[in-house]
Amino acid sequence: MIKEIEVSTIVEKKVIIPAEIPDGFYEKLKEKIIEELSEREKYISPERSKER
């Protein structure tokens, strides 16, 4: 038995002002960025890091 399903998606754009962003969001964002940068540092060769 084959059934047909129709799906519709609505995309909404919203402008968020800084006052609407919770304070904890910035800390979580900072932690994620630091984590990602430290992961990238593992893959950079020592010669290349000396160039910086």
Protein backbone atom coordinates (compact mmCIF):
# COMPACT_ATOMS: atom_id res chain seq x y z
CA MET A 1 0.00 0.00 0.00
CA ILE A 2 1.43 3.36 -1.03
CA LYS A 3 0.33 6.55 0.72
CA GLU A 4 1.03 10.06 -0.43
CA ILE A 5 1.95 12.62 2.17
CA GLU A 6 2.02 16.34 1.45
CA VAL A 7 4.41 18.41 3.54
CA SER A 8 4.61 22.17 3.61
CA THR A 9 7.35 24.19 5.26
CA ILE A 10 7.19 27.79 6.32
CA VAL A 11 10.40 29.75 6.87
CA GLU A 12 10.13 32.89 8.93
CA LYS A 13 12.76 35.57 9.27
CA LYS A 14 12.99 37.37 12.56
CA VAL A 15 15.24 40.18 13.64
CA ILE A 16 16.52 39.71 17.16
CA ILE A 17 17.74 42.68 19.13
CA PRO A 18 20.60 42.19 21.62
CA ALA A 19 18.27 42.79 24.60
CA GLU A 20 16.30 39.64 23.65
CA ILE A 21 19.35 37.38 23.82
CA PRO A 22 19.85 35.69 27.20
CA ASP A 23 23.16 36.34 28.98
CA GLY A 24 24.00 32.63 29.12
CA PHE A 25 23.91 32.46 25.33
CA TYR A 26 27.10 34.51 25.00
CA GLU A 27 28.97 32.27 27.45
CA LYS A 28 27.88 29.12 25.59
CA LEU A 29 28.86 30.69 22.26
CA LYS A 30 32.25 31.70 23.64
CA GLU A 31 32.86 28.16 24.93
CA LYS A 32 31.95 26.62 21.56
CA ILE A 33 34.25 29.01 19.68
CA ILE A 34 37.17 28.34 22.02
CA GLU A 35 36.55 24.60 21.75
CA GLU A 36 36.53 24.73 17.95
CA LEU A 37 39.66 26.87 17.77
CA SER A 38 41.54 24.52 20.07
CA GLU A 39 40.48 21.57 17.89
CA ARG A 40 41.82 23.37 14.82
CA GLU A 41 45.10 24.12 16.59
CA LYS A 42 45.71 20.37 16.91
CA TYR A 43 45.85 20.03 13.13
CA ILE A 44 48.14 22.98 12.41
CA SER A 45 51.76 21.99 11.90
CA PRO A 46 54.36 23.47 14.29
CA GLU A 47 56.10 25.25 11.40
CA ARG A 48 52.89 26.98 10.42
CA SER A 49 52.12 28.09 13.98
CA LYS A 50 55.58 29.73 14.16
CA GLU A 51 54.65 31.88 11.14
CA ARG A 52 51.88 33.55 13.12
